[in-house]
Amino acid sequence: MNRPLTFAIPKGRILEEALPLLAKAGIEPEAEFHDKKSRALRFATNRPDVSIIRVRAFDVATFVAHGAAQIGIVGSDVVEEFGYSELYAPVDLDIGHCRLSVAEPEGLAEEDQAALSHVRVATKYPHLTRRYYEARGLQAECVKLNGAMELAPSLGLSRRIVDLVSSGATLKANGLVETDVIMQISARLIVNRAAYKMRSADLAPLVEGFRAAVGVKNAA
């Protein structure tokens, strides 16, 4: 008998939007999952063959890629940043919408961009950031930060940042302007490729359940 499937769920912005989709797909976490005082990271569900782990968004991709979890939900930004060949992303869940953008202090864009060959950028997306600037003939020195990106320009850590943007209010509050969009983002259902082959009888119905949950347009 196979061990229960482990489903990796991200903490943060995607979680609240993901829970109704989980319910539509027939998965409901135990009551402790909703207890904000709980320090547990692994939870049972209404299905004896599925358990849930709640981890940081970047870690969802790592758990699934390495087979510690077989299925998960994560933003397309994380999928693209890591580029794990072990991940299969069969369903766009149409939630968690935002964008990955370049931002800088107001007036900086007026500098002579043609004279630049090197830029210093604060971001937690070094791979996507380097790829973006390389396509423009620039070398990007990435300063890795996990949060408070908007402080980097005012404190002299970098002139520019690459970060997630939704309303743009946080940028504006810190004197920054969005100058380019690197990619539009939405949450994806991800599956470990090896597990999908070996446990297709378990995983394929789950994938189809999420396709149905988000509508016929994703069923192809």
N, C-alpha and C. Protein backbone atom coordinates (compact mmCIF):
# COMPACT_ATOMS: atom_id res chain seq x y z
N MET A 1 0.85 -1.20 0.00
CA MET A 1 0.00 0.00 0.00
C MET A 1 0.88 1.25 0.00
N ASN A 2 0.56 2.23 -0.87
CA ASN A 2 1.33 3.46 -0.94
C ASN A 2 1.15 4.31 0.32
N ARG A 3 2.21 5.03 0.65
CA ARG A 3 2.10 6.00 1.73
C ARG A 3 1.19 7.13 1.30
N PRO A 4 0.58 7.85 2.25
CA PRO A 4 -0.26 8.99 1.88
C PRO A 4 0.53 10.00 1.05
N LEU A 5 -0.14 10.64 0.13
CA LEU A 5 0.47 11.72 -0.64
C LEU A 5 0.71 12.92 0.26
N THR A 6 1.82 13.58 0.06
CA THR A 6 2.11 14.81 0.79
C THR A 6 1.90 16.00 -0.14
N PHE A 7 1.03 16.91 0.26
CA PHE A 7 0.65 18.07 -0.54
C PHE A 7 1.27 19.32 0.11
N ALA A 8 2.15 20.01 -0.59
CA ALA A 8 2.83 21.18 -0.05
C ALA A 8 2.04 22.45 -0.38
N ILE A 9 1.71 23.20 0.66
CA ILE A 9 0.92 24.42 0.53
C ILE A 9 1.77 25.60 1.00
N PRO A 10 1.75 26.74 0.27
CA PRO A 10 2.58 27.87 0.68
C PRO A 10 1.94 28.73 1.76
N LYS A 11 2.75 29.21 2.66
CA LYS A 11 2.30 30.25 3.58
C LYS A 11 2.15 31.54 2.77
N GLY A 12 1.49 32.53 3.35
CA GLY A 12 1.47 33.83 2.71
C GLY A 12 0.32 34.08 1.77
N ARG A 13 0.59 34.89 0.73
CA ARG A 13 -0.46 35.51 -0.06
C ARG A 13 -1.35 34.53 -0.80
N ILE A 14 -0.83 33.37 -1.20
CA ILE A 14 -1.61 32.44 -2.01
C ILE A 14 -2.55 31.59 -1.16
N LEU A 15 -2.21 31.39 0.11
CA LEU A 15 -2.89 30.39 0.93
C LEU A 15 -4.40 30.57 0.98
N GLU A 16 -4.88 31.78 1.30
CA GLU A 16 -6.32 31.98 1.46
C GLU A 16 -7.08 31.74 0.17
N GLU A 17 -6.47 32.09 -0.96
CA GLU A 17 -7.13 31.85 -2.24
C GLU A 17 -7.08 30.37 -2.63
N ALA A 18 -6.08 29.64 -2.13
CA ALA A 18 -5.92 28.23 -2.48
C ALA A 18 -6.90 27.33 -1.74
N LEU A 19 -7.29 27.71 -0.53
CA LEU A 19 -8.13 26.84 0.29
C LEU A 19 -9.48 26.50 -0.37
N PRO A 20 -10.19 27.46 -0.98
CA PRO A 20 -11.44 27.08 -1.66
C PRO A 20 -11.22 26.11 -2.82
N LEU A 21 -10.10 26.25 -3.52
CA LEU A 21 -9.79 25.32 -4.61
C LEU A 21 -9.51 23.92 -4.07
N LEU A 22 -8.80 23.85 -2.96
CA LEU A 22 -8.57 22.56 -2.31
C LEU A 22 -9.89 21.88 -1.97
N ALA A 23 -10.81 22.67 -1.40
CA ALA A 23 -12.12 22.12 -1.02
C ALA A 23 -12.88 21.62 -2.25
N LYS A 24 -12.83 22.40 -3.34
CA LYS A 24 -13.51 21.97 -4.57
C LYS A 24 -12.90 20.68 -5.13
N ALA A 25 -11.58 20.51 -4.89
CA ALA A 25 -10.91 19.30 -5.36
C ALA A 25 -11.06 18.14 -4.38
N GLY A 26 -11.80 18.38 -3.28
CA GLY A 26 -12.10 17.31 -2.33
C GLY A 26 -11.12 17.15 -1.20
N ILE A 27 -10.31 18.20 -0.92
CA ILE A 27 -9.33 18.12 0.17
C ILE A 27 -9.61 19.23 1.18
N GLU A 28 -9.83 18.85 2.42
CA GLU A 28 -10.07 19.83 3.48
C GLU A 28 -9.14 19.54 4.66
N PRO A 29 -8.30 20.51 5.04
CA PRO A 29 -7.38 20.29 6.16
C PRO A 29 -8.11 20.12 7.48
N GLU A 30 -7.45 19.43 8.41
CA GLU A 30 -8.01 19.29 9.76
C GLU A 30 -8.13 20.65 10.43
N ALA A 31 -8.88 20.73 11.51
CA ALA A 31 -9.17 21.99 12.17
C ALA A 31 -7.91 22.72 12.63
N GLU A 32 -6.89 21.99 13.07
CA GLU A 32 -5.67 22.63 13.57
C GLU A 32 -4.98 23.47 12.51
N PHE A 33 -5.17 23.14 11.24
CA PHE A 33 -4.58 23.90 10.15
C PHE A 33 -5.00 25.37 10.22
N HIS A 34 -6.23 25.62 10.67
CA HIS A 34 -6.77 26.98 10.70
C HIS A 34 -6.51 27.68 12.04
N ASP A 35 -5.87 26.98 12.97
CA ASP A 35 -5.56 27.56 14.29
C ASP A 35 -4.28 28.39 14.18
N LYS A 36 -4.40 29.71 14.27
CA LYS A 36 -3.25 30.59 14.09
C LYS A 36 -2.21 30.42 15.19
N LYS A 37 -2.59 29.80 16.31
CA LYS A 37 -1.64 29.58 17.40
C LYS A 37 -0.84 28.29 17.21
N SER A 38 -1.28 27.46 16.30
CA SER A 38 -0.61 26.18 16.10
C SER A 38 0.75 26.36 15.45
N ARG A 39 1.73 25.63 15.94
CA ARG A 39 3.07 25.66 15.36
C ARG A 39 3.33 24.43 14.48
N ALA A 40 2.31 23.62 14.32
CA ALA A 40 2.46 22.42 13.49
C ALA A 40 2.69 22.81 12.03
N LEU A 41 3.41 21.98 11.32
CA LEU A 41 3.70 22.21 9.91
C LEU A 41 3.08 21.12 9.03
N ARG A 42 2.69 20.01 9.64
CA ARG A 42 2.08 18.91 8.88
C ARG A 42 0.70 18.63 9.45
N PHE A 43 -0.26 18.40 8.54
CA PHE A 43 -1.65 18.27 8.97
C PHE A 43 -2.34 17.14 8.22
N ALA A 44 -3.25 16.48 8.91
CA ALA A 44 -4.11 15.50 8.26
C ALA A 44 -5.19 16.23 7.48
N THR A 45 -5.88 15.51 6.61
CA THR A 45 -7.01 16.08 5.88
C THR A 45 -8.20 15.15 6.01
N ASN A 46 -9.30 15.49 5.36
CA ASN A 46 -10.47 14.63 5.35
C ASN A 46 -10.24 13.35 4.56
N ARG A 47 -9.10 13.29 3.85
CA ARG A 47 -8.76 12.10 3.08
C ARG A 47 -7.59 11.38 3.72
N PRO A 48 -7.73 10.11 4.06
CA PRO A 48 -6.63 9.38 4.70
C PRO A 48 -5.42 9.20 3.79
N ASP A 49 -5.60 9.39 2.48
CA ASP A 49 -4.49 9.20 1.55
C ASP A 49 -3.77 10.50 1.20
N VAL A 50 -4.14 11.62 1.88
CA VAL A 50 -3.51 12.92 1.59
C VAL A 50 -3.24 13.66 2.90
N SER A 51 -1.99 14.09 3.10
CA SER A 51 -1.65 14.98 4.21
C SER A 51 -1.10 16.28 3.62
N ILE A 52 -1.10 17.33 4.42
CA ILE A 52 -0.66 18.65 3.97
C ILE A 52 0.52 19.12 4.80
N ILE A 53 1.50 19.72 4.11
CA ILE A 53 2.55 20.46 4.83
C ILE A 53 2.44 21.92 4.42
N ARG A 54 2.66 22.81 5.38
CA ARG A 54 2.58 24.25 5.13
C ARG A 54 3.97 24.85 5.30
N VAL A 55 4.56 25.31 4.20
CA VAL A 55 5.94 25.79 4.21
C VAL A 55 6.04 27.09 3.42
N ARG A 56 7.21 27.70 3.43
CA ARG A 56 7.43 28.92 2.66
C ARG A 56 7.28 28.63 1.17
N ALA A 57 6.84 29.62 0.41
CA ALA A 57 6.57 29.41 -1.01
C ALA A 57 7.78 28.86 -1.75
N PHE A 58 8.96 29.42 -1.50
CA PHE A 58 10.15 28.94 -2.20
C PHE A 58 10.44 27.49 -1.85
N ASP A 59 10.08 27.09 -0.64
CA ASP A 59 10.36 25.71 -0.22
C ASP A 59 9.37 24.71 -0.80
N VAL A 60 8.19 25.17 -1.20
CA VAL A 60 7.23 24.27 -1.84
C VAL A 60 7.87 23.62 -3.06
N ALA A 61 8.50 24.43 -3.91
CA ALA A 61 9.12 23.90 -5.12
C ALA A 61 10.22 22.90 -4.79
N THR A 62 11.00 23.16 -3.76
CA THR A 62 12.10 22.27 -3.39
C THR A 62 11.58 20.95 -2.83
N PHE A 63 10.57 21.00 -1.96
CA PHE A 63 9.99 19.78 -1.42
C PHE A 63 9.43 18.89 -2.53
N VAL A 64 8.73 19.50 -3.48
CA VAL A 64 8.12 18.72 -4.55
C VAL A 64 9.17 18.23 -5.55
N ALA A 65 10.12 19.08 -5.91
CA ALA A 65 11.15 18.68 -6.87
C ALA A 65 11.96 17.50 -6.38
N HIS A 66 12.22 17.45 -5.08
CA HIS A 66 13.04 16.38 -4.51
C HIS A 66 12.22 15.19 -4.04
N GLY A 67 10.90 15.25 -4.23
CA GLY A 67 10.06 14.11 -3.92
C GLY A 67 9.65 13.96 -2.48
N ALA A 68 10.02 14.94 -1.63
CA ALA A 68 9.58 14.88 -0.23
C ALA A 68 8.07 15.12 -0.16
N ALA A 69 7.57 15.94 -1.07
CA ALA A 69 6.13 16.08 -1.30
C ALA A 69 5.90 15.71 -2.76
N GLN A 70 4.74 15.19 -3.05
CA GLN A 70 4.48 14.74 -4.42
C GLN A 70 3.71 15.77 -5.24
N ILE A 71 3.05 16.69 -4.57
CA ILE A 71 2.20 17.66 -5.25
C ILE A 71 2.17 18.93 -4.42
N GLY A 72 1.93 20.07 -5.05
CA GLY A 72 1.93 21.32 -4.30
C GLY A 72 1.32 22.46 -5.09
N ILE A 73 1.22 23.60 -4.44
CA ILE A 73 0.74 24.83 -5.06
C ILE A 73 1.78 25.91 -4.82
N VAL A 74 2.16 26.62 -5.89
CA VAL A 74 3.17 27.67 -5.76
C VAL A 74 3.03 28.64 -6.92
N GLY A 75 3.55 29.85 -6.74
CA GLY A 75 3.49 30.86 -7.79
C GLY A 75 4.39 30.51 -8.96
N SER A 76 3.99 30.96 -10.15
CA SER A 76 4.81 30.71 -11.34
C SER A 76 6.16 31.41 -11.25
N ASP A 77 6.27 32.44 -10.41
CA ASP A 77 7.57 33.09 -10.18
C ASP A 77 8.57 32.12 -9.58
N VAL A 78 8.10 31.30 -8.63
CA VAL A 78 8.99 30.33 -7.98
C VAL A 78 9.36 29.21 -8.95
N VAL A 79 8.38 28.76 -9.72
CA VAL A 79 8.64 27.72 -10.73
C VAL A 79 9.73 28.19 -11.69
N GLU A 80 9.62 29.43 -12.16
CA GLU A 80 10.58 29.97 -13.13
C GLU A 80 11.93 30.25 -12.50
N GLU A 81 11.94 30.73 -11.26
CA GLU A 81 13.22 31.06 -10.61
C GLU A 81 14.08 29.82 -10.41
N PHE A 82 13.46 28.71 -9.98
CA PHE A 82 14.24 27.51 -9.72
C PHE A 82 14.47 26.69 -10.98
N GLY A 83 13.48 26.64 -11.86
CA GLY A 83 13.64 25.89 -13.10
C GLY A 83 13.93 24.41 -12.89
N TYR A 84 13.37 23.82 -11.84
CA TYR A 84 13.60 22.40 -11.57
C TYR A 84 13.04 21.55 -12.71
N SER A 85 13.87 20.69 -13.28
CA SER A 85 13.40 19.81 -14.34
C SER A 85 12.46 18.74 -13.79
N GLU A 86 12.51 18.51 -12.48
CA GLU A 86 11.67 17.46 -11.86
C GLU A 86 10.22 17.90 -11.66
N LEU A 87 9.94 19.18 -11.92
CA LEU A 87 8.59 19.68 -11.68
C LEU A 87 7.75 19.69 -12.94
N TYR A 88 6.51 19.28 -12.79
CA TYR A 88 5.50 19.34 -13.84
C TYR A 88 4.42 20.28 -13.32
N ALA A 89 4.07 21.29 -14.11
CA ALA A 89 3.08 22.28 -13.67
C ALA A 89 1.86 22.22 -14.58
N PRO A 90 0.95 21.26 -14.36
CA PRO A 90 -0.13 21.00 -15.32
C PRO A 90 -1.32 21.95 -15.28
N VAL A 91 -1.47 22.73 -14.18
CA VAL A 91 -2.68 23.54 -14.07
C VAL A 91 -2.35 24.96 -13.59
N ASP A 92 -2.79 25.94 -14.37
CA ASP A 92 -2.78 27.34 -13.92
C ASP A 92 -4.03 27.52 -13.07
N LEU A 93 -3.84 27.80 -11.79
CA LEU A 93 -4.96 27.87 -10.85
C LEU A 93 -5.71 29.20 -10.88
N ASP A 94 -5.18 30.18 -11.62
CA ASP A 94 -5.86 31.47 -11.80
C ASP A 94 -6.10 32.20 -10.48
N ILE A 95 -5.17 32.04 -9.54
CA ILE A 95 -5.20 32.78 -8.28
C ILE A 95 -3.80 33.34 -8.02
N GLY A 96 -3.67 34.15 -6.98
CA GLY A 96 -2.36 34.69 -6.61
C GLY A 96 -1.76 35.60 -7.65
N HIS A 97 -2.60 36.35 -8.34
CA HIS A 97 -2.11 37.19 -9.43
C HIS A 97 -1.29 38.38 -8.92
N CYS A 98 -0.15 38.58 -9.52
CA CYS A 98 0.68 39.74 -9.29
C CYS A 98 1.70 39.78 -10.43
N ARG A 99 2.76 40.56 -10.28
CA ARG A 99 3.77 40.63 -11.33
C ARG A 99 5.15 40.80 -10.71
N LEU A 100 6.15 40.35 -11.43
CA LEU A 100 7.54 40.55 -11.01
C LEU A 100 8.07 41.73 -11.81
N SER A 101 8.49 42.76 -11.10
CA SER A 101 8.82 44.02 -11.76
C SER A 101 10.14 44.61 -11.29
N VAL A 102 10.66 45.48 -12.13
CA VAL A 102 11.82 46.30 -11.78
C VAL A 102 11.29 47.61 -11.22
N ALA A 103 11.88 48.07 -10.14
CA ALA A 103 11.49 49.36 -9.57
C ALA A 103 12.74 50.12 -9.14
N GLU A 104 12.64 51.43 -9.13
CA GLU A 104 13.79 52.27 -8.80
C GLU A 104 13.28 53.61 -8.28
N PRO A 105 14.16 54.40 -7.66
CA PRO A 105 13.73 55.72 -7.18
C PRO A 105 13.26 56.60 -8.33
N GLU A 106 12.30 57.46 -8.05
CA GLU A 106 11.84 58.39 -9.06
C GLU A 106 13.01 59.24 -9.56
N GLY A 107 13.09 59.39 -10.88
CA GLY A 107 14.16 60.19 -11.47
C GLY A 107 15.35 59.38 -11.93
N LEU A 108 15.52 58.18 -11.40
CA LEU A 108 16.67 57.36 -11.79
C LEU A 108 16.57 56.95 -13.26
N ALA A 109 15.34 56.76 -13.74
CA ALA A 109 15.16 56.35 -15.13
C ALA A 109 15.64 57.40 -16.11
N GLU A 110 15.82 58.63 -15.62
CA GLU A 110 16.28 59.70 -16.50
C GLU A 110 17.78 59.63 -16.76
N GLU A 111 18.50 58.78 -16.02
CA GLU A 111 19.92 58.60 -16.27
C GLU A 111 20.14 58.04 -17.67
N ASP A 112 21.34 58.20 -18.17
CA ASP A 112 21.66 57.69 -19.50
C ASP A 112 21.82 56.18 -19.45
N GLN A 113 20.76 55.46 -19.79
CA GLN A 113 20.79 54.02 -19.73
C GLN A 113 21.81 53.43 -20.70
N ALA A 114 22.06 54.10 -21.81
CA ALA A 114 22.99 53.58 -22.82
C ALA A 114 24.41 53.50 -22.29
N ALA A 115 24.72 54.31 -21.26
CA ALA A 115 26.07 54.32 -20.72
C ALA A 115 26.31 53.20 -19.71
N LEU A 116 25.25 52.49 -19.34
CA LEU A 116 25.37 51.44 -18.33
C LEU A 116 25.84 50.13 -18.95
N SER A 117 26.68 49.41 -18.23
CA SER A 117 27.03 48.04 -18.62
C SER A 117 26.83 47.09 -17.45
N HIS A 118 26.63 47.67 -16.27
CA HIS A 118 26.53 46.89 -15.04
C HIS A 118 25.50 47.53 -14.14
N VAL A 119 24.62 46.73 -13.53
CA VAL A 119 23.65 47.24 -12.59
C VAL A 119 23.68 46.39 -11.32
N ARG A 120 23.40 47.03 -10.22
CA ARG A 120 23.31 46.33 -8.94
C ARG A 120 21.85 46.33 -8.52
N VAL A 121 21.32 45.13 -8.23
CA VAL A 121 19.89 44.98 -8.01
C VAL A 121 19.65 44.15 -6.75
N ALA A 122 18.78 44.63 -5.88
CA ALA A 122 18.37 43.86 -4.71
C ALA A 122 17.15 43.02 -5.08
N THR A 123 17.18 41.73 -4.77
CA THR A 123 16.08 40.86 -5.17
C THR A 123 16.18 39.52 -4.47
N LYS A 124 15.09 38.78 -4.42
CA LYS A 124 15.17 37.37 -4.01
C LYS A 124 14.99 36.47 -5.23
N TYR A 125 15.09 37.08 -6.40
CA TYR A 125 14.97 36.35 -7.66
C TYR A 125 16.23 36.56 -8.51
N PRO A 126 17.39 36.09 -8.06
CA PRO A 126 18.62 36.36 -8.81
C PRO A 126 18.64 35.75 -10.21
N HIS A 127 18.09 34.55 -10.37
CA HIS A 127 18.11 33.92 -11.69
C HIS A 127 17.28 34.70 -12.70
N LEU A 128 16.05 35.02 -12.35
CA LEU A 128 15.19 35.76 -13.25
C LEU A 128 15.72 37.17 -13.50
N THR A 129 16.32 37.77 -12.47
CA THR A 129 16.87 39.11 -12.62
C THR A 129 18.05 39.13 -13.58
N ARG A 130 18.98 38.18 -13.40
CA ARG A 130 20.14 38.12 -14.31
C ARG A 130 19.70 37.86 -15.74
N ARG A 131 18.73 36.96 -15.90
CA ARG A 131 18.24 36.63 -17.24
C ARG A 131 17.61 37.85 -17.90
N TYR A 132 16.86 38.61 -17.13
CA TYR A 132 16.21 39.82 -17.66
C TYR A 132 17.26 40.82 -18.15
N TYR A 133 18.29 41.08 -17.33
CA TYR A 133 19.29 42.08 -17.71
C TYR A 133 20.23 41.57 -18.80
N GLU A 134 20.53 40.28 -18.79
CA GLU A 134 21.38 39.73 -19.85
C GLU A 134 20.72 39.91 -21.21
N ALA A 135 19.40 39.77 -21.26
CA ALA A 135 18.68 39.95 -22.52
C ALA A 135 18.77 41.39 -23.02
N ARG A 136 19.15 42.30 -22.12
CA ARG A 136 19.31 43.71 -22.48
C ARG A 136 20.77 44.13 -22.55
N GLY A 137 21.66 43.14 -22.53
CA GLY A 137 23.08 43.41 -22.67
C GLY A 137 23.74 43.99 -21.45
N LEU A 138 23.13 43.78 -20.29
CA LEU A 138 23.67 44.31 -19.04
C LEU A 138 24.03 43.19 -18.08
N GLN A 139 25.08 43.41 -17.32
CA GLN A 139 25.47 42.45 -16.28
C GLN A 139 24.82 42.89 -14.97
N ALA A 140 24.10 41.97 -14.33
CA ALA A 140 23.41 42.29 -13.09
C ALA A 140 24.14 41.67 -11.90
N GLU A 141 24.52 42.51 -10.97
CA GLU A 141 25.04 42.05 -9.68
C GLU A 141 23.85 41.99 -8.73
N CYS A 142 23.45 40.81 -8.33
CA CYS A 142 22.25 40.64 -7.52
C CYS A 142 22.60 40.54 -6.04
N VAL A 143 22.01 41.42 -5.25
CA VAL A 143 22.12 41.37 -3.80
C VAL A 143 20.89 40.62 -3.29
N LYS A 144 21.10 39.43 -2.72
CA LYS A 144 19.98 38.57 -2.34
C LYS A 144 19.37 39.05 -1.02
N LEU A 145 18.10 39.41 -1.07
CA LEU A 145 17.33 39.75 0.11
C LEU A 145 16.06 38.91 0.12
N ASN A 146 15.55 38.62 1.31
CA ASN A 146 14.32 37.85 1.42
C ASN A 146 13.11 38.69 1.76
N GLY A 147 13.33 39.98 1.99
CA GLY A 147 12.22 40.87 2.32
C GLY A 147 12.73 42.29 2.45
N ALA A 148 11.80 43.24 2.68
CA ALA A 148 12.12 44.66 2.83
C ALA A 148 12.95 45.18 1.66
N MET A 149 12.67 44.67 0.48
CA MET A 149 13.40 45.05 -0.73
C MET A 149 13.37 46.56 -0.96
N GLU A 150 12.23 47.18 -0.62
CA GLU A 150 12.04 48.60 -0.93
C GLU A 150 13.01 49.51 -0.19
N LEU A 151 13.65 49.00 0.87
CA LEU A 151 14.60 49.81 1.62
C LEU A 151 15.96 49.92 0.93
N ALA A 152 16.26 48.97 0.06
CA ALA A 152 17.60 48.89 -0.52
C ALA A 152 18.06 50.17 -1.20
N PRO A 153 17.26 50.81 -2.06
CA PRO A 153 17.74 52.03 -2.71
C PRO A 153 17.99 53.19 -1.74
N SER A 154 17.09 53.40 -0.79
CA SER A 154 17.24 54.53 0.13
C SER A 154 18.42 54.36 1.07
N LEU A 155 18.83 53.10 1.33
CA LEU A 155 19.95 52.84 2.22
C LEU A 155 21.26 52.60 1.47
N GLY A 156 21.23 52.76 0.16
CA GLY A 156 22.44 52.65 -0.64
C GLY A 156 22.90 51.24 -0.94
N LEU A 157 22.04 50.26 -0.71
CA LEU A 157 22.42 48.87 -0.97
C LEU A 157 22.40 48.57 -2.46
N SER A 158 21.45 49.16 -3.17
CA SER A 158 21.36 49.02 -4.62
C SER A 158 20.55 50.18 -5.16
N ARG A 159 20.67 50.45 -6.46
CA ARG A 159 19.88 51.52 -7.06
C ARG A 159 18.51 51.02 -7.48
N ARG A 160 18.41 49.73 -7.76
CA ARG A 160 17.17 49.16 -8.28
C ARG A 160 16.80 47.92 -7.49
N ILE A 161 15.53 47.54 -7.59
CA ILE A 161 15.08 46.28 -7.00
C ILE A 161 14.27 45.51 -8.04
N VAL A 162 14.18 44.20 -7.87
CA VAL A 162 13.25 43.37 -8.62
C VAL A 162 12.43 42.62 -7.58
N ASP A 163 11.12 42.83 -7.60
CA ASP A 163 10.28 42.25 -6.55
C ASP A 163 8.85 42.06 -7.07
N LEU A 164 8.05 41.37 -6.28
CA LEU A 164 6.64 41.18 -6.61
C LEU A 164 5.88 42.48 -6.39
N VAL A 165 4.99 42.79 -7.30
CA VAL A 165 4.16 43.99 -7.21
C VAL A 165 2.71 43.60 -7.43
N SER A 166 1.84 44.12 -6.57
CA SER A 166 0.41 43.90 -6.75
C SER A 166 -0.26 45.24 -7.04
N SER A 167 -0.50 46.03 -6.00
CA SER A 167 -1.13 47.35 -6.21
C SER A 167 -0.11 48.45 -6.51
N GLY A 168 1.13 48.23 -6.07
CA GLY A 168 2.15 49.27 -6.22
C GLY A 168 2.20 50.25 -5.07
N ALA A 169 1.31 50.07 -4.08
CA ALA A 169 1.24 51.02 -2.97
C ALA A 169 2.51 51.03 -2.13
N THR A 170 3.12 49.84 -1.91
CA THR A 170 4.34 49.78 -1.11
C THR A 170 5.49 50.48 -1.81
N LEU A 171 5.58 50.32 -3.12
CA LEU A 171 6.61 51.04 -3.88
C LEU A 171 6.44 52.55 -3.71
N LYS A 172 5.22 53.01 -3.92
CA LYS A 172 4.95 54.45 -3.83
C LYS A 172 5.28 54.99 -2.45
N ALA A 173 4.94 54.23 -1.40
CA ALA A 173 5.21 54.67 -0.03
C ALA A 173 6.69 54.79 0.26
N ASN A 174 7.51 54.10 -0.53
CA ASN A 174 8.96 54.14 -0.32
C ASN A 174 9.69 54.90 -1.42
N GLY A 175 8.95 55.73 -2.16
CA GLY A 175 9.56 56.60 -3.15
C GLY A 175 10.08 55.90 -4.39
N LEU A 176 9.49 54.74 -4.72
CA LEU A 176 9.94 53.97 -5.87
C LEU A 176 8.86 53.95 -6.95
N VAL A 177 9.31 53.79 -8.20
CA VAL A 177 8.39 53.67 -9.31
C VAL A 177 8.68 52.38 -10.07
N GLU A 178 7.63 51.75 -10.56
CA GLU A 178 7.76 50.53 -11.35
C GLU A 178 8.15 50.93 -12.77
N THR A 179 9.26 50.38 -13.27
CA THR A 179 9.75 50.78 -14.59
C THR A 179 9.61 49.70 -15.65
N ASP A 180 9.47 48.44 -15.26
CA ASP A 180 9.29 47.38 -16.25
C ASP A 180 8.71 46.15 -15.56
N VAL A 181 7.94 45.40 -16.30
CA VAL A 181 7.36 44.14 -15.81
C VAL A 181 8.15 42.99 -16.42
N ILE A 182 8.75 42.16 -15.58
CA ILE A 182 9.51 41.00 -16.06
C ILE A 182 8.57 39.86 -16.42
N MET A 183 7.57 39.59 -15.58
CA MET A 183 6.61 38.53 -15.88
C MET A 183 5.34 38.70 -15.07
N GLN A 184 4.23 38.27 -15.65
CA GLN A 184 2.97 38.19 -14.93
C GLN A 184 2.94 36.84 -14.20
N ILE A 185 2.34 36.83 -13.01
CA ILE A 185 2.42 35.66 -12.14
C ILE A 185 1.03 35.19 -11.73
N SER A 186 0.87 33.88 -11.67
CA SER A 186 -0.31 33.27 -11.05
C SER A 186 0.14 31.97 -10.41
N ALA A 187 -0.68 31.42 -9.53
CA ALA A 187 -0.32 30.19 -8.83
C ALA A 187 -0.53 28.98 -9.74
N ARG A 188 0.33 27.99 -9.59
CA ARG A 188 0.26 26.76 -10.39
C ARG A 188 0.18 25.54 -9.47
N LEU A 189 -0.51 24.53 -9.95
CA LEU A 189 -0.43 23.21 -9.33
C LEU A 189 0.83 22.55 -9.87
N ILE A 190 1.71 22.07 -8.99
CA ILE A 190 2.93 21.42 -9.43
C ILE A 190 2.97 19.98 -8.91
N VAL A 191 3.59 19.12 -9.70
CA VAL A 191 3.66 17.69 -9.37
C VAL A 191 5.08 17.21 -9.63
N ASN A 192 5.57 16.32 -8.78
CA ASN A 192 6.86 15.68 -9.03
C ASN A 192 6.71 14.71 -10.20
N ARG A 193 7.55 14.87 -11.23
CA ARG A 193 7.41 14.08 -12.46
C ARG A 193 7.54 12.57 -12.20
N ALA A 194 8.52 12.18 -11.41
CA ALA A 194 8.72 10.75 -11.14
C ALA A 194 7.53 10.18 -10.38
N ALA A 195 7.03 10.94 -9.39
CA ALA A 195 5.87 10.47 -8.62
C ALA A 195 4.65 10.36 -9.52
N TYR A 196 4.51 11.29 -10.47
CA TYR A 196 3.35 11.26 -11.36
C TYR A 196 3.34 10.00 -12.22
N LYS A 197 4.52 9.53 -12.59
CA LYS A 197 4.60 8.29 -13.36
C LYS A 197 4.35 7.07 -12.49
N MET A 198 4.96 7.08 -11.30
CA MET A 198 4.88 5.90 -10.43
C MET A 198 3.55 5.80 -9.69
N ARG A 199 2.92 6.96 -9.43
CA ARG A 199 1.68 6.96 -8.66
C ARG A 199 0.57 7.68 -9.42
N SER A 200 0.50 7.40 -10.70
CA SER A 200 -0.49 8.09 -11.54
C SER A 200 -1.92 7.80 -11.09
N ALA A 201 -2.15 6.60 -10.56
CA ALA A 201 -3.50 6.26 -10.11
C ALA A 201 -3.95 7.16 -8.95
N ASP A 202 -2.97 7.65 -8.16
CA ASP A 202 -3.28 8.56 -7.05
C ASP A 202 -3.28 10.02 -7.48
N LEU A 203 -2.28 10.39 -8.29
CA LEU A 203 -2.07 11.80 -8.61
C LEU A 203 -2.92 12.30 -9.77
N ALA A 204 -3.13 11.47 -10.78
CA ALA A 204 -3.91 11.92 -11.94
C ALA A 204 -5.31 12.39 -11.56
N PRO A 205 -6.04 11.66 -10.69
CA PRO A 205 -7.37 12.16 -10.30
C PRO A 205 -7.30 13.49 -9.54
N LEU A 206 -6.24 13.69 -8.75
CA LEU A 206 -6.09 14.97 -8.06
C LEU A 206 -5.89 16.11 -9.05
N VAL A 207 -5.02 15.89 -10.03
CA VAL A 207 -4.78 16.90 -11.05
C VAL A 207 -6.08 17.23 -11.78
N GLU A 208 -6.84 16.20 -12.14
CA GLU A 208 -8.12 16.42 -12.83
C GLU A 208 -9.11 17.14 -11.93
N GLY A 209 -9.04 16.86 -10.62
CA GLY A 209 -9.91 17.56 -9.68
C GLY A 209 -9.64 19.05 -9.64
N PHE A 210 -8.37 19.43 -9.73
CA PHE A 210 -8.02 20.86 -9.74
C PHE A 210 -8.37 21.50 -11.08
N ARG A 211 -8.21 20.74 -12.16
CA ARG A 211 -8.63 21.27 -13.46
C ARG A 211 -10.13 21.58 -13.44
N ALA A 212 -10.88 20.68 -12.89
CA ALA A 212 -12.32 20.90 -12.80
C ALA A 212 -12.64 22.06 -11.88
N ALA A 213 -11.87 22.23 -10.80
CA ALA A 213 -12.12 23.29 -9.83
C ALA A 213 -11.93 24.69 -10.41
N VAL A 214 -11.01 24.80 -11.37
CA VAL A 214 -10.75 26.12 -11.95
C VAL A 214 -11.47 26.35 -13.27
N GLY A 215 -12.17 25.33 -13.78
CA GLY A 215 -12.99 25.53 -14.97
C GLY A 215 -12.51 24.75 -16.17
N VAL A 216 -13.42 24.58 -17.11
CA VAL A 216 -13.16 23.78 -18.30
C VAL A 216 -12.01 24.33 -19.12
N LYS A 217 -11.79 25.66 -19.09
CA LYS A 217 -10.75 26.26 -19.92
C LYS A 217 -9.36 25.73 -19.59
N ASN A 218 -9.19 25.17 -18.38
CA ASN A 218 -7.89 24.62 -17.99
C ASN A 218 -7.83 23.11 -18.18
N ALA A 219 -8.86 22.51 -18.74
CA ALA A 219 -8.92 21.06 -18.82
C ALA A 219 -8.12 20.48 -19.97
N ALA A 220 -7.65 21.34 -20.87
CA ALA A 220 -6.88 20.85 -22.02
C ALA A 220 -5.49 20.42 -21.61
